[in-house]
Amino acid sequence: MNKKPRGTPFNRITNPPPGRPKGAKSKFTNLKEAFVEAFKDVGGRDYVKNFASKKKNSRAFLQLIAKMLPQDVQISGEIDTNIVEKYKGMSNEELLQKINAIISKHTK
């Protein structure tokens, strides 16, 4: 009986290539730089503001923003489970003032 030799049917590379040289830019970095350059060429922030201000583009603009936001956010701290009771009697104006105070506190 003639048996085939067992083992891996593929030749293994004993010394893989070293990869990208230190300091060399990756394909992603080159692509990112190309997008930044194109962004500047079409008008930069003014172009984005103009694009976003058109009603027909609002959905595409918001989808783009959603894709740029981190998908996993980790938050630590305590949660106030009585939040509804805490703000139950407040008017919309009072709630807006409270929200704006919190936003200004955390954006400085």
PDB file of N, CA and C in Angstrom:
ATOM      1  N   MET A   1       0.842  -1.180   0.000  1.00  0.00           N
ATOM      2  CA  MET A   1       0.000   0.000   0.000  1.00  0.00           C
ATOM      3  C   MET A   1       0.888   1.245   0.000  1.00  0.00           C
ATOM      4  N   ASN A   2       0.589   2.194  -0.878  1.00  0.00           N
ATOM      5  CA  ASN A   2       1.403   3.403  -1.040  1.00  0.00           C
ATOM      6  C   ASN A   2       0.668   4.589  -0.413  1.00  0.00           C
ATOM      7  N   LYS A   3       1.124   5.090   0.732  1.00  0.00           N
ATOM      8  CA  LYS A   3       0.458   6.218   1.407  1.00  0.00           C
ATOM      9  C   LYS A   3       1.145   7.521   1.029  1.00  0.00           C
ATOM     10  N   LYS A   4       0.340   8.575   0.921  1.00  0.00           N
ATOM     11  CA  LYS A   4       0.890   9.906   0.667  1.00  0.00           C
ATOM     12  C   LYS A   4       1.495  10.439   1.957  1.00  0.00           C
ATOM     13  N   PRO A   5       2.568  11.191   1.856  1.00  0.00           N
ATOM     14  CA  PRO A   5       3.167  11.750   3.078  1.00  0.00           C
ATOM     15  C   PRO A   5       2.217  12.754   3.727  1.00  0.00           C
ATOM     16  N   ARG A   6       2.174  12.727   5.044  1.00  0.00           N
ATOM     17  CA  ARG A   6       1.306  13.654   5.792  1.00  0.00           C
ATOM     18  C   ARG A   6       2.066  14.943   6.092  1.00  0.00           C
ATOM     19  N   GLY A   7       1.348  15.955   6.345  1.00  0.00           N
ATOM     20  CA  GLY A   7       1.964  17.238   6.648  1.00  0.00           C
ATOM     21  C   GLY A   7       1.230  18.335   5.891  1.00  0.00           C
ATOM     22  N   THR A   8       1.827  19.489   5.871  1.00  0.00           N
ATOM     23  CA  THR A   8       1.182  20.610   5.188  1.00  0.00           C
ATOM     24  C   THR A   8       1.467  20.543   3.696  1.00  0.00           C
ATOM     25  N   PRO A   9       0.448  20.744   2.894  1.00  0.00           N
ATOM     26  CA  PRO A   9       0.647  20.679   1.448  1.00  0.00           C
ATOM     27  C   PRO A   9       1.263  21.958   0.880  1.00  0.00           C
ATOM     28  N   PHE A  10       1.408  22.983   1.699  1.00  0.00           N
ATOM     29  CA  PHE A  10       1.919  24.261   1.219  1.00  0.00           C
ATOM     30  C   PHE A  10       3.334  24.484   1.728  1.00  0.00           C
ATOM     31  N   ASN A  11       4.103  25.188   0.977  1.00  0.00           N
ATOM     32  CA  ASN A  11       5.444  25.550   1.425  1.00  0.00           C
ATOM     33  C   ASN A  11       5.332  26.693   2.427  1.00  0.00           C
ATOM     34  N   ARG A  12       5.904  26.512   3.561  1.00  0.00           N
ATOM     35  CA  ARG A  12       5.860  27.573   4.578  1.00  0.00           C
ATOM     36  C   ARG A  12       7.020  28.522   4.360  1.00  0.00           C
ATOM     37  N   ILE A  13       6.742  29.798   4.592  1.00  0.00           N
ATOM     38  CA  ILE A  13       7.797  30.803   4.490  1.00  0.00           C
ATOM     39  C   ILE A  13       8.478  30.877   5.845  1.00  0.00           C
ATOM     40  N   THR A  14       9.737  30.558   5.873  1.00  0.00           N
ATOM     41  CA  THR A  14      10.443  30.567   7.151  1.00  0.00           C
ATOM     42  C   THR A  14      10.841  31.973   7.573  1.00  0.00           C
ATOM     43  N   ASN A  15      11.140  32.842   6.634  1.00  0.00           N
ATOM     44  CA  ASN A  15      11.498  34.221   6.938  1.00  0.00           C
ATOM     45  C   ASN A  15      10.586  35.151   6.147  1.00  0.00           C
ATOM     46  N   PRO A  16       9.450  35.568   6.761  1.00  0.00           N
ATOM     47  CA  PRO A  16       8.544  36.453   6.028  1.00  0.00           C
ATOM     48  C   PRO A  16       9.209  37.802   5.759  1.00  0.00           C
ATOM     49  N   PRO A  17       8.722  38.525   4.751  1.00  0.00           N
ATOM     50  CA  PRO A  17       9.303  39.843   4.463  1.00  0.00           C
ATOM     51  C   PRO A  17       9.118  40.786   5.653  1.00  0.00           C
ATOM     52  N   PRO A  18       9.992  41.765   5.789  1.00  0.00           N
ATOM     53  CA  PRO A  18       9.968  42.624   6.975  1.00  0.00           C
ATOM     54  C   PRO A  18       8.758  43.553   7.054  1.00  0.00           C
ATOM     55  N   GLY A  19       8.038  43.772   5.973  1.00  0.00           N
ATOM     56  CA  GLY A  19       6.890  44.670   6.004  1.00  0.00           C
ATOM     57  C   GLY A  19       7.275  46.074   5.599  1.00  0.00           C
ATOM     58  N   ARG A  20       6.443  47.014   5.970  1.00  0.00           N
ATOM     59  CA  ARG A  20       6.672  48.407   5.604  1.00  0.00           C
ATOM     60  C   ARG A  20       7.858  48.958   6.383  1.00  0.00           C
ATOM     61  N   PRO A  21       8.763  49.642   5.702  1.00  0.00           N
ATOM     62  CA  PRO A  21       9.917  50.223   6.411  1.00  0.00           C
ATOM     63  C   PRO A  21       9.470  51.285   7.419  1.00  0.00           C
ATOM     64  N   LYS A  22      10.217  51.425   8.486  1.00  0.00           N
ATOM     65  CA  LYS A  22       9.897  52.407   9.512  1.00  0.00           C
ATOM     66  C   LYS A  22       9.878  53.806   8.900  1.00  0.00           C
ATOM     67  N   GLY A  23       8.817  54.552   9.187  1.00  0.00           N
ATOM     68  CA  GLY A  23       8.681  55.910   8.674  1.00  0.00           C
ATOM     69  C   GLY A  23       7.945  55.996   7.350  1.00  0.00           C
ATOM     70  N   ALA A  24       7.771  54.876   6.664  1.00  0.00           N
ATOM     71  CA  ALA A  24       7.042  54.887   5.388  1.00  0.00           C
ATOM     72  C   ALA A  24       5.550  55.022   5.671  1.00  0.00           C
ATOM     73  N   LYS A  25       4.859  55.725   4.822  1.00  0.00           N
ATOM     74  CA  LYS A  25       3.429  55.956   5.018  1.00  0.00           C
ATOM     75  C   LYS A  25       2.632  54.739   4.541  1.00  0.00           C
ATOM     76  N   SER A  26       1.557  54.451   5.279  1.00  0.00           N
ATOM     77  CA  SER A  26       0.688  53.348   4.891  1.00  0.00           C
ATOM     78  C   SER A  26      -0.243  53.817   3.764  1.00  0.00           C
ATOM     79  N   LYS A  27      -0.922  52.868   3.141  1.00  0.00           N
ATOM     80  CA  LYS A  27      -1.875  53.207   2.078  1.00  0.00           C
ATOM     81  C   LYS A  27      -2.995  54.078   2.634  1.00  0.00           C
ATOM     82  N   PHE A  28      -3.410  53.773   3.874  1.00  0.00           N
ATOM     83  CA  PHE A  28      -4.481  54.555   4.485  1.00  0.00           C
ATOM     84  C   PHE A  28      -4.037  56.000   4.701  1.00  0.00           C
ATOM     85  N   THR A  29      -2.821  56.208   5.167  1.00  0.00           N
ATOM     86  CA  THR A  29      -2.312  57.565   5.387  1.00  0.00           C
ATOM     87  C   THR A  29      -2.278  58.333   4.077  1.00  0.00           C
ATOM     88  N   ASN A  30      -1.814  57.677   3.021  1.00  0.00           N
ATOM     89  CA  ASN A  30      -1.789  58.338   1.712  1.00  0.00           C
ATOM     90  C   ASN A  30      -3.194  58.694   1.245  1.00  0.00           C
ATOM     91  N   LEU A  31      -4.155  57.806   1.469  1.00  0.00           N
ATOM     92  CA  LEU A  31      -5.540  58.060   1.073  1.00  0.00           C
ATOM     93  C   LEU A  31      -6.123  59.216   1.879  1.00  0.00           C
ATOM     94  N   LYS A  32      -5.839  59.217   3.189  1.00  0.00           N
ATOM     95  CA  LYS A  32      -6.328  60.290   4.056  1.00  0.00           C
ATOM     96  C   LYS A  32      -5.772  61.639   3.608  1.00  0.00           C
ATOM     97  N   GLU A  33      -4.488  61.673   3.280  1.00  0.00           N
ATOM     98  CA  GLU A  33      -3.878  62.922   2.826  1.00  0.00           C
ATOM     99  C   GLU A  33      -4.495  63.382   1.508  1.00  0.00           C
ATOM    100  N   ALA A  34      -4.818  62.445   0.635  1.00  0.00           N
ATOM    101  CA  ALA A  34      -5.462  62.799  -0.634  1.00  0.00           C
ATOM    102  C   ALA A  34      -6.836  63.408  -0.389  1.00  0.00           C
ATOM    103  N   PHE A  35      -7.587  62.863   0.561  1.00  0.00           N
ATOM    104  CA  PHE A  35      -8.904  63.419   0.884  1.00  0.00           C
ATOM    105  C   PHE A  35      -8.782  64.810   1.488  1.00  0.00           C
ATOM    106  N   VAL A  36      -7.806  65.006   2.356  1.00  0.00           N
ATOM    107  CA  VAL A  36      -7.603  66.322   2.966  1.00  0.00           C
ATOM    108  C   VAL A  36      -7.250  67.346   1.892  1.00  0.00           C
ATOM    109  N   GLU A  37      -6.393  66.961   0.965  1.00  0.00           N
ATOM    110  CA  GLU A  37      -6.009  67.852  -0.134  1.00  0.00           C
ATOM    111  C   GLU A  37      -7.223  68.196  -1.002  1.00  0.00           C
ATOM    112  N   ALA A  38      -8.029  67.189  -1.331  1.00  0.00           N
ATOM    113  CA  ALA A  38      -9.235  67.418  -2.137  1.00  0.00           C
ATOM    114  C   ALA A  38     -10.217  68.314  -1.382  1.00  0.00           C
ATOM    115  N   PHE A  39     -10.330  68.110  -0.069  1.00  0.00           N
ATOM    116  CA  PHE A  39     -11.202  68.927   0.772  1.00  0.00           C
ATOM    117  C   PHE A  39     -10.789  70.398   0.699  1.00  0.00           C
ATOM    118  N   LYS A  40      -9.499  70.643   0.771  1.00  0.00           N
ATOM    119  CA  LYS A  40      -8.997  72.020   0.675  1.00  0.00           C
ATOM    120  C   LYS A  40      -9.260  72.605  -0.706  1.00  0.00           C
ATOM    121  N   ASP A  41      -9.078  71.785  -1.744  1.00  0.00           N
ATOM    122  CA  ASP A  41      -9.259  72.259  -3.125  1.00  0.00           C
ATOM    123  C   ASP A  41     -10.691  72.695  -3.425  1.00  0.00           C
ATOM    124  N   VAL A  42     -11.691  72.025  -2.829  1.00  0.00           N
ATOM    125  CA  VAL A  42     -13.087  72.371  -3.120  1.00  0.00           C
ATOM    126  C   VAL A  42     -13.633  73.469  -2.227  1.00  0.00           C
ATOM    127  N   GLY A  43     -12.852  73.940  -1.264  1.00  0.00           N
ATOM    128  CA  GLY A  43     -13.313  75.057  -0.452  1.00  0.00           C
ATOM    129  C   GLY A  43     -13.306  74.805   1.033  1.00  0.00           C
ATOM    130  N   GLY A  44     -12.929  73.626   1.459  1.00  0.00           N
ATOM    131  CA  GLY A  44     -12.794  73.339   2.888  1.00  0.00           C
ATOM    132  C   GLY A  44     -14.084  73.480   3.661  1.00  0.00           C
ATOM    133  N   ARG A  45     -14.002  74.169   4.785  1.00  0.00           N
ATOM    134  CA  ARG A  45     -15.163  74.310   5.678  1.00  0.00           C
ATOM    135  C   ARG A  45     -16.322  75.028   5.009  1.00  0.00           C
ATOM    136  N   ASP A  46     -16.009  76.032   4.211  1.00  0.00           N
ATOM    137  CA  ASP A  46     -17.080  76.762   3.528  1.00  0.00           C
ATOM    138  C   ASP A  46     -17.868  75.842   2.598  1.00  0.00           C
ATOM    139  N   TYR A  47     -17.160  74.938   1.931  1.00  0.00           N
ATOM    140  CA  TYR A  47     -17.829  73.984   1.045  1.00  0.00           C
ATOM    141  C   TYR A  47     -18.758  73.072   1.847  1.00  0.00           C
ATOM    142  N   VAL A  48     -18.272  72.590   2.994  1.00  0.00           N
ATOM    143  CA  VAL A  48     -19.091  71.709   3.822  1.00  0.00           C
ATOM    144  C   VAL A  48     -20.309  72.452   4.348  1.00  0.00           C
ATOM    145  N   LYS A  49     -20.117  73.693   4.805  1.00  0.00           N
ATOM    146  CA  LYS A  49     -21.246  74.488   5.292  1.00  0.00           C
ATOM    147  C   LYS A  49     -22.282  74.690   4.191  1.00  0.00           C
ATOM    148  N   ASN A  50     -21.820  75.020   2.997  1.00  0.00           N
ATOM    149  CA  ASN A  50     -22.733  75.223   1.870  1.00  0.00           C
ATOM    150  C   ASN A  50     -23.467  73.929   1.533  1.00  0.00           C
ATOM    151  N   PHE A  51     -22.730  72.813   1.504  1.00  0.00           N
ATOM    152  CA  PHE A  51     -23.329  71.509   1.197  1.00  0.00           C
ATOM    153  C   PHE A  51     -24.385  71.146   2.233  1.00  0.00           C
ATOM    154  N   ALA A  52     -24.047  71.299   3.519  1.00  0.00           N
ATOM    155  CA  ALA A  52     -24.946  70.902   4.596  1.00  0.00           C
ATOM    156  C   ALA A  52     -26.176  71.791   4.685  1.00  0.00           C
ATOM    157  N   SER A  53     -26.056  73.044   4.253  1.00  0.00           N
ATOM    158  CA  SER A  53     -27.174  73.969   4.379  1.00  0.00           C
ATOM    159  C   SER A  53     -28.275  73.721   3.354  1.00  0.00           C
ATOM    160  N   LYS A  54     -27.976  72.949   2.316  1.00  0.00           N
ATOM    161  CA  LYS A  54     -28.992  72.637   1.308  1.00  0.00           C
ATOM    162  C   LYS A  54     -29.842  71.476   1.796  1.00  0.00           C
ATOM    163  N   LYS A  55     -31.154  71.682   1.764  1.00  0.00           N
ATOM    164  CA  LYS A  55     -32.089  70.691   2.298  1.00  0.00           C
ATOM    165  C   LYS A  55     -31.914  69.321   1.647  1.00  0.00           C
ATOM    166  N   LYS A  56     -31.658  69.292   0.346  1.00  0.00           N
ATOM    167  CA  LYS A  56     -31.532  68.003  -0.351  1.00  0.00           C
ATOM    168  C   LYS A  56     -30.296  67.220   0.105  1.00  0.00           C
ATOM    169  N   ASN A  57     -29.324  67.899   0.714  1.00  0.00           N
ATOM    170  CA  ASN A  57     -28.093  67.241   1.163  1.00  0.00           C
ATOM    171  C   ASN A  57     -28.091  66.906   2.651  1.00  0.00           C
ATOM    172  N   SER A  58     -29.109  67.336   3.377  1.00  0.00           N
ATOM    173  CA  SER A  58     -29.072  67.205   4.831  1.00  0.00           C
ATOM    174  C   SER A  58     -28.965  65.741   5.272  1.00  0.00           C
ATOM    175  N   ARG A  59     -29.673  64.844   4.610  1.00  0.00           N
ATOM    176  CA  ARG A  59     -29.620  63.431   5.000  1.00  0.00           C
ATOM    177  C   ARG A  59     -28.215  62.856   4.788  1.00  0.00           C
ATOM    178  N   ALA A  60     -27.637  63.119   3.625  1.00  0.00           N
ATOM    179  CA  ALA A  60     -26.291  62.613   3.325  1.00  0.00           C
ATOM    180  C   ALA A  60     -25.276  63.185   4.308  1.00  0.00           C
ATOM    181  N   PHE A  61     -25.418  64.460   4.648  1.00  0.00           N
ATOM    182  CA  PHE A  61     -24.495  65.104   5.580  1.00  0.00           C
ATOM    183  C   PHE A  61     -24.578  64.460   6.962  1.00  0.00           C
ATOM    184  N   LEU A  62     -25.793  64.226   7.448  1.00  0.00           N
ATOM    185  CA  LEU A  62     -25.965  63.614   8.764  1.00  0.00           C
ATOM    186  C   LEU A  62     -25.477  62.166   8.780  1.00  0.00           C
ATOM    187  N   GLN A  63     -25.652  61.447   7.679  1.00  0.00           N
ATOM    188  CA  GLN A  63     -25.136  60.082   7.597  1.00  0.00           C
ATOM    189  C   GLN A  63     -23.608  60.081   7.659  1.00  0.00           C
ATOM    190  N   LEU A  64     -23.004  61.046   6.999  1.00  0.00           N
ATOM    191  CA  LEU A  64     -21.549  61.154   7.027  1.00  0.00           C
ATOM    192  C   LEU A  64     -21.054  61.443   8.444  1.00  0.00           C
ATOM    193  N   ILE A  65     -21.722  62.333   9.137  1.00  0.00           N
ATOM    194  CA  ILE A  65     -21.350  62.648  10.517  1.00  0.00           C
ATOM    195  C   ILE A  65     -21.504  61.403  11.389  1.00  0.00           C
ATOM    196  N   ALA A  66     -22.584  60.667  11.210  1.00  0.00           N
ATOM    197  CA  ALA A  66     -22.816  59.457  12.007  1.00  0.00           C
ATOM    198  C   ALA A  66     -21.702  58.435  11.797  1.00  0.00           C
ATOM    199  N   LYS A  67     -21.186  58.345  10.585  1.00  0.00           N
ATOM    200  CA  LYS A  67     -20.107  57.391  10.311  1.00  0.00           C
ATOM    201  C   LYS A  67     -18.790  57.823  10.938  1.00  0.00           C
ATOM    202  N   MET A  68     -18.631  59.110  11.191  1.00  0.00           N
ATOM    203  CA  MET A  68     -17.388  59.601  11.777  1.00  0.00           C
ATOM    204  C   MET A  68     -17.389  59.522  13.302  1.00  0.00           C
ATOM    205  N   LEU A  69     -18.558  59.359  13.903  1.00  0.00           N
ATOM    206  CA  LEU A  69     -18.636  59.271  15.359  1.00  0.00           C
ATOM    207  C   LEU A  69     -18.174  57.900  15.831  1.00  0.00           C
ATOM    208  N   PRO A  70     -17.571  57.832  17.009  1.00  0.00           N
ATOM    209  CA  PRO A  70     -17.163  56.521  17.521  1.00  0.00           C
ATOM    210  C   PRO A  70     -18.383  55.655  17.780  1.00  0.00           C
ATOM    211  N   GLN A  71     -18.262  54.358  17.486  1.00  0.00           N
ATOM    212  CA  GLN A  71     -19.389  53.452  17.670  1.00  0.00           C
ATOM    213  C   GLN A  71     -19.481  52.933  19.097  1.00  0.00           C
ATOM    214  N   ASP A  72     -18.352  52.777  19.761  1.00  0.00           N
ATOM    215  CA  ASP A  72     -18.340  52.292  21.134  1.00  0.00           C
ATOM    216  C   ASP A  72     -17.829  53.397  22.047  1.00  0.00           C
ATOM    217  N   VAL A  73     -18.678  53.809  22.966  1.00  0.00           N
ATOM    218  CA  VAL A  73     -18.292  54.838  23.923  1.00  0.00           C
ATOM    219  C   VAL A  73     -18.450  54.243  25.311  1.00  0.00           C
ATOM    220  N   GLN A  74     -17.406  54.349  26.109  1.00  0.00           N
ATOM    221  CA  GLN A  74     -17.469  53.824  27.462  1.00  0.00           C
ATOM    222  C   GLN A  74     -17.566  54.988  28.432  1.00  0.00           C
ATOM    223  N   ILE A  75     -18.557  54.910  29.296  1.00  0.00           N
ATOM    224  CA  ILE A  75     -18.809  55.974  30.261  1.00  0.00           C
ATOM    225  C   ILE A  75     -18.772  55.352  31.650  1.00  0.00           C
ATOM    226  N   SER A  76     -18.102  56.030  32.541  1.00  0.00           N
ATOM    227  CA  SER A  76     -18.084  55.533  33.915  1.00  0.00           C
ATOM    228  C   SER A  76     -18.707  56.585  34.821  1.00  0.00           C
ATOM    229  N   GLY A  77     -19.232  56.143  35.914  1.00  0.00           N
ATOM    230  CA  GLY A  77     -19.846  57.057  36.867  1.00  0.00           C
ATOM    231  C   GLY A  77     -21.169  56.499  37.347  1.00  0.00           C
ATOM    232  N   GLU A  78     -21.830  57.270  38.166  1.00  0.00           N
ATOM    233  CA  GLU A  78     -23.112  56.842  38.711  1.00  0.00           C
ATOM    234  C   GLU A  78     -24.252  57.421  37.880  1.00  0.00           C
ATOM    235  N   ILE A  79     -25.323  56.675  37.799  1.00  0.00           N
ATOM    236  CA  ILE A  79     -26.507  57.115  37.064  1.00  0.00           C
ATOM    237  C   ILE A  79     -27.579  57.494  38.070  1.00  0.00           C
ATOM    238  N   ASP A  80     -28.126  58.680  37.893  1.00  0.00           N
ATOM    239  CA  ASP A  80     -29.199  59.147  38.760  1.00  0.00           C
ATOM    240  C   ASP A  80     -30.514  58.574  38.232  1.00  0.00           C
ATOM    241  N   THR A  81     -31.027  57.564  38.902  1.00  0.00           N
ATOM    242  CA  THR A  81     -32.255  56.915  38.432  1.00  0.00           C
ATOM    243  C   THR A  81     -33.504  57.736  38.733  1.00  0.00           C
ATOM    244  N   ASN A  82     -33.389  58.740  39.545  1.00  0.00           N
ATOM    245  CA  ASN A  82     -34.539  59.586  39.875  1.00  0.00           C
ATOM    246  C   ASN A  82     -34.566  60.853  39.037  1.00  0.00           C
ATOM    247  N   ILE A  83     -33.995  60.797  37.852  1.00  0.00           N
ATOM    248  CA  ILE A  83     -33.872  62.001  37.026  1.00  0.00           C
ATOM    249  C   ILE A  83     -35.237  62.557  36.606  1.00  0.00           C
ATOM    250  N   VAL A  84     -36.177  61.677  36.347  1.00  0.00           N
ATOM    251  CA  VAL A  84     -37.516  62.132  35.938  1.00  0.00           C
ATOM    252  C   VAL A  84     -38.157  62.908  37.071  1.00  0.00           C
ATOM    253  N   GLU A  85     -38.073  62.371  38.264  1.00  0.00           N
ATOM    254  CA  GLU A  85     -38.657  63.049  39.422  1.00  0.00           C
ATOM    255  C   GLU A  85     -37.963  64.377  39.695  1.00  0.00           C
ATOM    256  N   LYS A  86     -36.659  64.418  39.438  1.00  0.00           N
ATOM    257  CA  LYS A  86     -35.867  65.614  39.716  1.00  0.00           C
ATOM    258  C   LYS A  86     -36.304  66.800  38.855  1.00  0.00           C
ATOM    259  N   TYR A  87     -36.672  66.540  37.603  1.00  0.00           N
ATOM    260  CA  TYR A  87     -37.002  67.618  36.674  1.00  0.00           C
ATOM    261  C   TYR A  87     -38.484  67.632  36.271  1.00  0.00           C
ATOM    262  N   LYS A  88     -39.305  66.881  36.944  1.00  0.00           N
ATOM    263  CA  LYS A  88     -40.712  66.711  36.569  1.00  0.00           C
ATOM    264  C   LYS A  88     -41.506  68.020  36.524  1.00  0.00           C
ATOM    265  N   GLY A  89     -41.339  68.894  37.454  1.00  0.00           N
ATOM    266  CA  GLY A  89     -42.138  70.101  37.525  1.00  0.00           C
ATOM    267  C   GLY A  89     -41.593  71.279  36.732  1.00  0.00           C
ATOM    268  N   MET A  90     -40.471  71.110  36.043  1.00  0.00           N
ATOM    269  CA  MET A  90     -39.843  72.219  35.330  1.00  0.00           C
ATOM    270  C   MET A  90     -40.539  72.502  34.005  1.00  0.00           C
ATOM    271  N   SER A  91     -40.547  73.775  33.636  1.00  0.00           N
ATOM    272  CA  SER A  91     -41.090  74.164  32.330  1.00  0.00           C
ATOM    273  C   SER A  91     -40.043  73.872  31.249  1.00  0.00           C
ATOM    274  N   ASN A  92     -40.470  73.934  29.997  1.00  0.00           N
ATOM    275  CA  ASN A  92     -39.531  73.721  28.892  1.00  0.00           C
ATOM    276  C   ASN A  92     -38.393  74.734  28.929  1.00  0.00           C
ATOM    277  N   GLU A  93     -38.712  75.960  29.263  1.00  0.00           N
ATOM    278  CA  GLU A  93     -37.692  77.014  29.335  1.00  0.00           C
ATOM    279  C   GLU A  93     -36.668  76.707  30.422  1.00  0.00           C
ATOM    280  N   GLU A  94     -37.142  76.275  31.591  1.00  0.00           N
ATOM    281  CA  GLU A  94     -36.234  75.926  32.681  1.00  0.00           C
ATOM    282  C   GLU A  94     -35.352  74.730  32.301  1.00  0.00           C
ATOM    283  N   LEU A  95     -35.947  73.749  31.621  1.00  0.00           N
ATOM    284  CA  LEU A  95     -35.175  72.586  31.183  1.00  0.00           C
ATOM    285  C   LEU A  95     -34.092  72.987  30.184  1.00  0.00           C
ATOM    286  N   LEU A  96     -34.433  73.873  29.245  1.00  0.00           N
ATOM    287  CA  LEU A  96     -33.460  74.348  28.263  1.00  0.00           C
ATOM    288  C   LEU A  96     -32.307  75.091  28.933  1.00  0.00           C
ATOM    289  N   GLN A  97     -32.625  75.910  29.930  1.00  0.00           N
ATOM    290  CA  GLN A  97     -31.582  76.616  30.667  1.00  0.00           C
ATOM    291  C   GLN A  97     -30.651  75.624  31.371  1.00  0.00           C
ATOM    292  N   LYS A  98     -31.231  74.597  31.951  1.00  0.00           N
ATOM    293  CA  LYS A  98     -30.448  73.581  32.647  1.00  0.00           C
ATOM    294  C   LYS A  98     -29.540  72.839  31.662  1.00  0.00           C
ATOM    295  N   ILE A  99     -30.095  72.464  30.509  1.00  0.00           N
ATOM    296  CA  ILE A  99     -29.321  71.758  29.480  1.00  0.00           C
ATOM    297  C   ILE A  99     -28.179  72.637  28.978  1.00  0.00           C
ATOM    298  N   ASN A 100     -28.460  73.899  28.688  1.00  0.00           N
ATOM    299  CA  ASN A 100     -27.422  74.819  28.207  1.00  0.00           C
ATOM    300  C   ASN A 100     -26.321  75.022  29.247  1.00  0.00           C
ATOM    301  N   ALA A 101     -26.692  75.051  30.518  1.00  0.00           N
ATOM    302  CA  ALA A 101     -25.686  75.192  31.577  1.00  0.00           C
ATOM    303  C   ALA A 101     -24.779  73.961  31.616  1.00  0.00           C
ATOM    304  N   ILE A 102     -25.361  72.787  31.457  1.00  0.00           N
ATOM    305  CA  ILE A 102     -24.566  71.550  31.453  1.00  0.00           C
ATOM    306  C   ILE A 102     -23.644  71.525  30.246  1.00  0.00           C
ATOM    307  N   ILE A 103     -24.162  71.898  29.078  1.00  0.00           N
ATOM    308  CA  ILE A 103     -23.355  71.898  27.847  1.00  0.00           C
ATOM    309  C   ILE A 103     -22.199  72.868  27.988  1.00  0.00           C
ATOM    310  N   SER A 104     -22.458  74.080  28.454  1.00  0.00           N
ATOM    311  CA  SER A 104     -21.385  75.071  28.560  1.00  0.00           C
ATOM    312  C   SER A 104     -20.345  74.633  29.600  1.00  0.00           C
ATOM    313  N   LYS A 105     -20.766  73.926  30.623  1.00  0.00           N
ATOM    314  CA  LYS A 105     -19.839  73.430  31.643  1.00  0.00           C
ATOM    315  C   LYS A 105     -18.881  72.384  31.065  1.00  0.00           C
ATOM    316  N   HIS A 106     -19.366  71.559  30.130  1.00  0.00           N
ATOM    317  CA  HIS A 106     -18.556  70.468  29.608  1.00  0.00           C
ATOM    318  C   HIS A 106     -17.865  70.781  28.286  1.00  0.00           C
ATOM    319  N   THR A 107     -18.093  71.958  27.726  1.00  0.00           N
ATOM    320  CA  THR A 107     -17.449  72.289  26.459  1.00  0.00           C
ATOM    321  C   THR A 107     -16.349  73.334  26.632  1.00  0.00           C
ATOM    322  N   LYS A 108     -16.003  73.681  27.817  1.00  0.00           N
ATOM    323  CA  LYS A 108     -14.947  74.676  28.048  1.00  0.00           C
ATOM    324  C   LYS A 108     -13.603  74.028  28.064  1.00  0.00           C
TER     325      LYS A 108
END
